[in-house]
Amino acid sequence: LFVVYFLCKDAFPFYNSQSVGKKLLHIKVVDARTGEGLQGDYSASIFRSITLLIPGLNLIELILLLSNRERLGDRWAGTMVIKE
């Protein structure tokens, strides 16, 4: 159940494209092309999150995030995080 939540948390319709942490920080995930939230777009949510589960790739994610503020998962999924 944890893995399903972790991979799909940004796509659950009742979360408004936000995990619990994103809700606390007042940020959300949107499709980079349309600006729409990810509600129901489970494939984008999975692509976005899968990089954090792969050993080694999660370190690359951290380096990319610190250097240019864009995650590899966001590039793969065509998403971005915005302020709410």
N, C-alpha and C. Protein backbone atom coordinates (compact mmCIF):
# COMPACT_ATOMS: atom_id res chain seq x y z
N LEU A 1 0.81 -1.19 0.00
CA LEU A 1 0.00 0.00 0.00
C LEU A 1 0.86 1.26 0.00
N PHE A 2 1.97 1.22 0.73
CA PHE A 2 2.85 2.39 0.78
C PHE A 2 3.40 2.72 -0.60
N VAL A 3 3.83 1.70 -1.34
CA VAL A 3 4.40 1.93 -2.67
C VAL A 3 3.35 2.51 -3.61
N VAL A 4 2.13 2.00 -3.55
CA VAL A 4 1.05 2.53 -4.39
C VAL A 4 0.79 3.99 -4.04
N TYR A 5 0.71 4.30 -2.75
CA TYR A 5 0.52 5.70 -2.34
C TYR A 5 1.67 6.56 -2.82
N PHE A 6 2.91 6.09 -2.62
CA PHE A 6 4.09 6.86 -2.98
C PHE A 6 4.12 7.17 -4.47
N LEU A 7 3.77 6.20 -5.30
CA LEU A 7 3.82 6.40 -6.75
C LEU A 7 2.65 7.22 -7.29
N CYS A 8 1.51 7.13 -6.66
CA CYS A 8 0.29 7.74 -7.22
C CYS A 8 -0.24 8.94 -6.45
N LYS A 9 0.44 9.37 -5.41
CA LYS A 9 -0.12 10.39 -4.50
C LYS A 9 -0.49 11.69 -5.19
N ASP A 10 0.21 12.08 -6.24
CA ASP A 10 -0.09 13.34 -6.92
C ASP A 10 -1.26 13.23 -7.89
N ALA A 11 -1.73 12.01 -8.15
CA ALA A 11 -2.82 11.81 -9.12
C ALA A 11 -4.16 11.51 -8.46
N PHE A 12 -4.19 11.24 -7.17
CA PHE A 12 -5.46 10.95 -6.51
C PHE A 12 -6.40 12.14 -6.64
N PRO A 13 -7.61 11.92 -7.13
CA PRO A 13 -8.54 13.03 -7.34
C PRO A 13 -8.87 13.83 -6.08
N PHE A 14 -8.90 13.18 -4.94
CA PHE A 14 -9.26 13.87 -3.70
C PHE A 14 -8.10 14.63 -3.08
N TYR A 15 -6.91 14.56 -3.67
CA TYR A 15 -5.74 15.30 -3.15
C TYR A 15 -5.45 16.58 -3.91
N ASN A 16 -6.13 16.85 -5.02
CA ASN A 16 -5.92 18.08 -5.79
C ASN A 16 -4.47 18.25 -6.25
N SER A 17 -3.87 17.18 -6.77
CA SER A 17 -2.48 17.19 -7.27
C SER A 17 -1.47 17.51 -6.18
N GLN A 18 -1.78 17.16 -4.95
CA GLN A 18 -0.90 17.46 -3.83
C GLN A 18 -0.77 16.25 -2.91
N SER A 19 0.46 15.97 -2.50
CA SER A 19 0.66 15.02 -1.41
C SER A 19 0.42 15.79 -0.12
N VAL A 20 0.50 15.12 0.98
CA VAL A 20 0.31 15.79 2.27
C VAL A 20 1.38 16.88 2.46
N GLY A 21 2.64 16.56 2.12
CA GLY A 21 3.72 17.54 2.25
C GLY A 21 3.54 18.73 1.34
N LYS A 22 3.10 18.49 0.11
CA LYS A 22 2.86 19.60 -0.83
C LYS A 22 1.73 20.49 -0.33
N LYS A 23 0.72 19.89 0.26
CA LYS A 23 -0.39 20.68 0.81
C LYS A 23 0.11 21.60 1.92
N LEU A 24 0.98 21.09 2.79
CA LEU A 24 1.54 21.90 3.87
C LEU A 24 2.42 23.04 3.34
N LEU A 25 3.11 22.80 2.22
CA LEU A 25 3.99 23.81 1.63
C LEU A 25 3.27 24.71 0.61
N HIS A 26 1.99 24.43 0.37
CA HIS A 26 1.17 25.21 -0.58
C HIS A 26 1.76 25.17 -1.99
N ILE A 27 2.16 23.96 -2.42
CA ILE A 27 2.62 23.75 -3.78
C ILE A 27 1.84 22.58 -4.37
N LYS A 28 1.83 22.47 -5.69
CA LYS A 28 1.15 21.35 -6.34
C LYS A 28 1.84 21.01 -7.64
N VAL A 29 1.55 19.83 -8.15
CA VAL A 29 2.14 19.33 -9.39
C VAL A 29 1.15 19.56 -10.52
N VAL A 30 1.65 20.10 -11.64
CA VAL A 30 0.81 20.33 -12.81
C VAL A 30 1.51 19.81 -14.05
N ASP A 31 0.74 19.56 -15.08
CA ASP A 31 1.28 19.21 -16.39
C ASP A 31 1.99 20.44 -16.95
N ALA A 32 3.23 20.29 -17.37
CA ALA A 32 4.02 21.43 -17.84
C ALA A 32 3.46 22.04 -19.12
N ARG A 33 2.78 21.26 -19.94
CA ARG A 33 2.24 21.78 -21.20
C ARG A 33 0.93 22.53 -21.02
N THR A 34 0.06 21.99 -20.16
CA THR A 34 -1.28 22.56 -20.05
C THR A 34 -1.50 23.36 -18.77
N GLY A 35 -0.71 23.12 -17.75
CA GLY A 35 -0.90 23.79 -16.48
C GLY A 35 -2.00 23.17 -15.64
N GLU A 36 -2.58 22.08 -16.12
CA GLU A 36 -3.64 21.38 -15.39
C GLU A 36 -3.03 20.47 -14.33
N GLY A 37 -3.77 20.24 -13.27
CA GLY A 37 -3.33 19.33 -12.21
C GLY A 37 -3.27 17.89 -12.70
N LEU A 38 -2.66 17.03 -11.92
CA LEU A 38 -2.48 15.64 -12.32
C LEU A 38 -3.60 14.71 -11.87
N GLN A 39 -4.71 15.24 -11.38
CA GLN A 39 -5.79 14.38 -10.92
C GLN A 39 -6.15 13.36 -11.99
N GLY A 40 -6.04 12.09 -11.63
CA GLY A 40 -6.40 11.02 -12.55
C GLY A 40 -5.31 10.62 -13.53
N ASP A 41 -4.22 11.36 -13.62
CA ASP A 41 -3.12 11.04 -14.54
C ASP A 41 -2.08 10.21 -13.79
N TYR A 42 -2.40 8.94 -13.58
CA TYR A 42 -1.54 8.07 -12.79
C TYR A 42 -0.21 7.78 -13.46
N SER A 43 -0.18 7.73 -14.78
CA SER A 43 1.10 7.45 -15.46
C SER A 43 2.10 8.58 -15.22
N ALA A 44 1.67 9.83 -15.27
CA ALA A 44 2.58 10.95 -15.01
C ALA A 44 3.05 10.92 -13.56
N SER A 45 2.16 10.61 -12.65
CA SER A 45 2.53 10.53 -11.25
C SER A 45 3.55 9.42 -11.00
N ILE A 46 3.35 8.28 -11.64
CA ILE A 46 4.29 7.16 -11.48
C ILE A 46 5.64 7.51 -12.08
N PHE A 47 5.68 8.05 -13.31
CA PHE A 47 6.95 8.46 -13.93
C PHE A 47 7.68 9.46 -13.05
N ARG A 48 6.92 10.37 -12.48
CA ARG A 48 7.50 11.43 -11.65
C ARG A 48 8.12 10.87 -10.38
N SER A 49 7.51 9.84 -9.80
CA SER A 49 7.94 9.32 -8.51
C SER A 49 8.88 8.13 -8.58
N ILE A 50 8.88 7.41 -9.68
CA ILE A 50 9.66 6.17 -9.78
C ILE A 50 11.16 6.42 -9.60
N THR A 51 11.63 7.57 -10.00
CA THR A 51 13.06 7.87 -9.89
C THR A 51 13.53 7.91 -8.45
N LEU A 52 12.63 8.19 -7.54
CA LEU A 52 13.00 8.26 -6.12
C LEU A 52 13.13 6.88 -5.49
N LEU A 53 12.60 5.85 -6.15
CA LEU A 53 12.68 4.49 -5.62
C LEU A 53 13.88 3.71 -6.15
N ILE A 54 14.53 4.20 -7.19
CA ILE A 54 15.64 3.49 -7.80
C ILE A 54 16.94 3.93 -7.14
N PRO A 55 17.64 2.98 -6.49
CA PRO A 55 18.90 3.34 -5.82
C PRO A 55 19.90 3.96 -6.79
N GLY A 56 20.54 5.02 -6.37
CA GLY A 56 21.49 5.74 -7.21
C GLY A 56 20.82 6.84 -8.00
N LEU A 57 19.70 6.54 -8.60
CA LEU A 57 18.98 7.55 -9.37
C LEU A 57 18.40 8.63 -8.44
N ASN A 58 18.08 8.23 -7.22
CA ASN A 58 17.57 9.22 -6.28
C ASN A 58 18.66 10.23 -5.89
N LEU A 59 19.92 9.82 -5.89
CA LEU A 59 21.02 10.77 -5.63
C LEU A 59 21.20 11.73 -6.80
N ILE A 60 21.04 11.22 -8.02
CA ILE A 60 21.10 12.08 -9.19
C ILE A 60 19.98 13.10 -9.13
N GLU A 61 18.78 12.66 -8.70
CA GLU A 61 17.65 13.56 -8.53
C GLU A 61 18.00 14.70 -7.57
N LEU A 62 18.63 14.36 -6.46
CA LEU A 62 19.00 15.37 -5.47
C LEU A 62 19.98 16.38 -6.04
N ILE A 63 20.98 15.90 -6.76
CA ILE A 63 21.98 16.79 -7.37
C ILE A 63 21.32 17.71 -8.39
N LEU A 64 20.48 17.16 -9.25
CA LEU A 64 19.78 17.97 -10.25
C LEU A 64 18.87 19.00 -9.59
N LEU A 65 18.17 18.59 -8.57
CA LEU A 65 17.27 19.50 -7.88
C LEU A 65 18.03 20.67 -7.25
N LEU A 66 19.17 20.37 -6.64
CA LEU A 66 19.96 21.42 -6.00
C LEU A 66 20.65 22.32 -7.01
N SER A 67 20.98 21.78 -8.18
CA SER A 67 21.72 22.58 -9.16
C SER A 67 20.81 23.43 -10.05
N ASN A 68 19.72 22.86 -10.54
CA ASN A 68 18.87 23.66 -11.44
C ASN A 68 17.39 23.65 -11.05
N ARG A 69 17.09 23.10 -9.89
CA ARG A 69 15.75 23.15 -9.31
C ARG A 69 14.69 22.40 -10.13
N GLU A 70 15.12 21.49 -10.99
CA GLU A 70 14.16 20.66 -11.73
C GLU A 70 14.54 19.20 -11.56
N ARG A 71 13.57 18.39 -11.17
CA ARG A 71 13.84 16.97 -10.97
C ARG A 71 13.80 16.22 -12.28
N LEU A 72 14.57 15.15 -12.35
CA LEU A 72 14.57 14.27 -13.50
C LEU A 72 13.18 13.67 -13.70
N GLY A 73 12.53 13.31 -12.60
CA GLY A 73 11.17 12.77 -12.68
C GLY A 73 10.19 13.73 -13.31
N ASP A 74 10.35 15.02 -13.03
CA ASP A 74 9.49 16.02 -13.66
C ASP A 74 9.76 16.11 -15.16
N ARG A 75 11.02 16.01 -15.54
CA ARG A 75 11.34 16.02 -16.99
C ARG A 75 10.71 14.82 -17.68
N TRP A 76 10.87 13.64 -17.10
CA TRP A 76 10.33 12.41 -17.70
C TRP A 76 8.81 12.47 -17.80
N ALA A 77 8.16 13.00 -16.79
CA ALA A 77 6.69 13.00 -16.77
C ALA A 77 6.08 14.23 -17.45
N GLY A 78 6.91 15.23 -17.76
CA GLY A 78 6.37 16.46 -18.36
C GLY A 78 5.57 17.26 -17.37
N THR A 79 6.04 17.28 -16.12
CA THR A 79 5.32 17.98 -15.06
C THR A 79 6.22 19.06 -14.44
N MET A 80 5.62 19.88 -13.61
CA MET A 80 6.38 20.85 -12.82
C MET A 80 5.62 21.14 -11.54
N VAL A 81 6.34 21.65 -10.56
CA VAL A 81 5.73 21.99 -9.28
C VAL A 81 5.58 23.51 -9.23
N ILE A 82 4.40 23.96 -8.85
CA ILE A 82 4.13 25.39 -8.78
C ILE A 82 3.58 25.74 -7.39
N LYS A 83 3.66 27.02 -7.06
CA LYS A 83 3.03 27.50 -5.82
C LYS A 83 1.53 27.54 -6.05
N GLU A 84 0.80 27.17 -5.03
CA GLU A 84 -0.65 27.15 -5.13
C GLU A 84 -1.23 28.54 -5.01
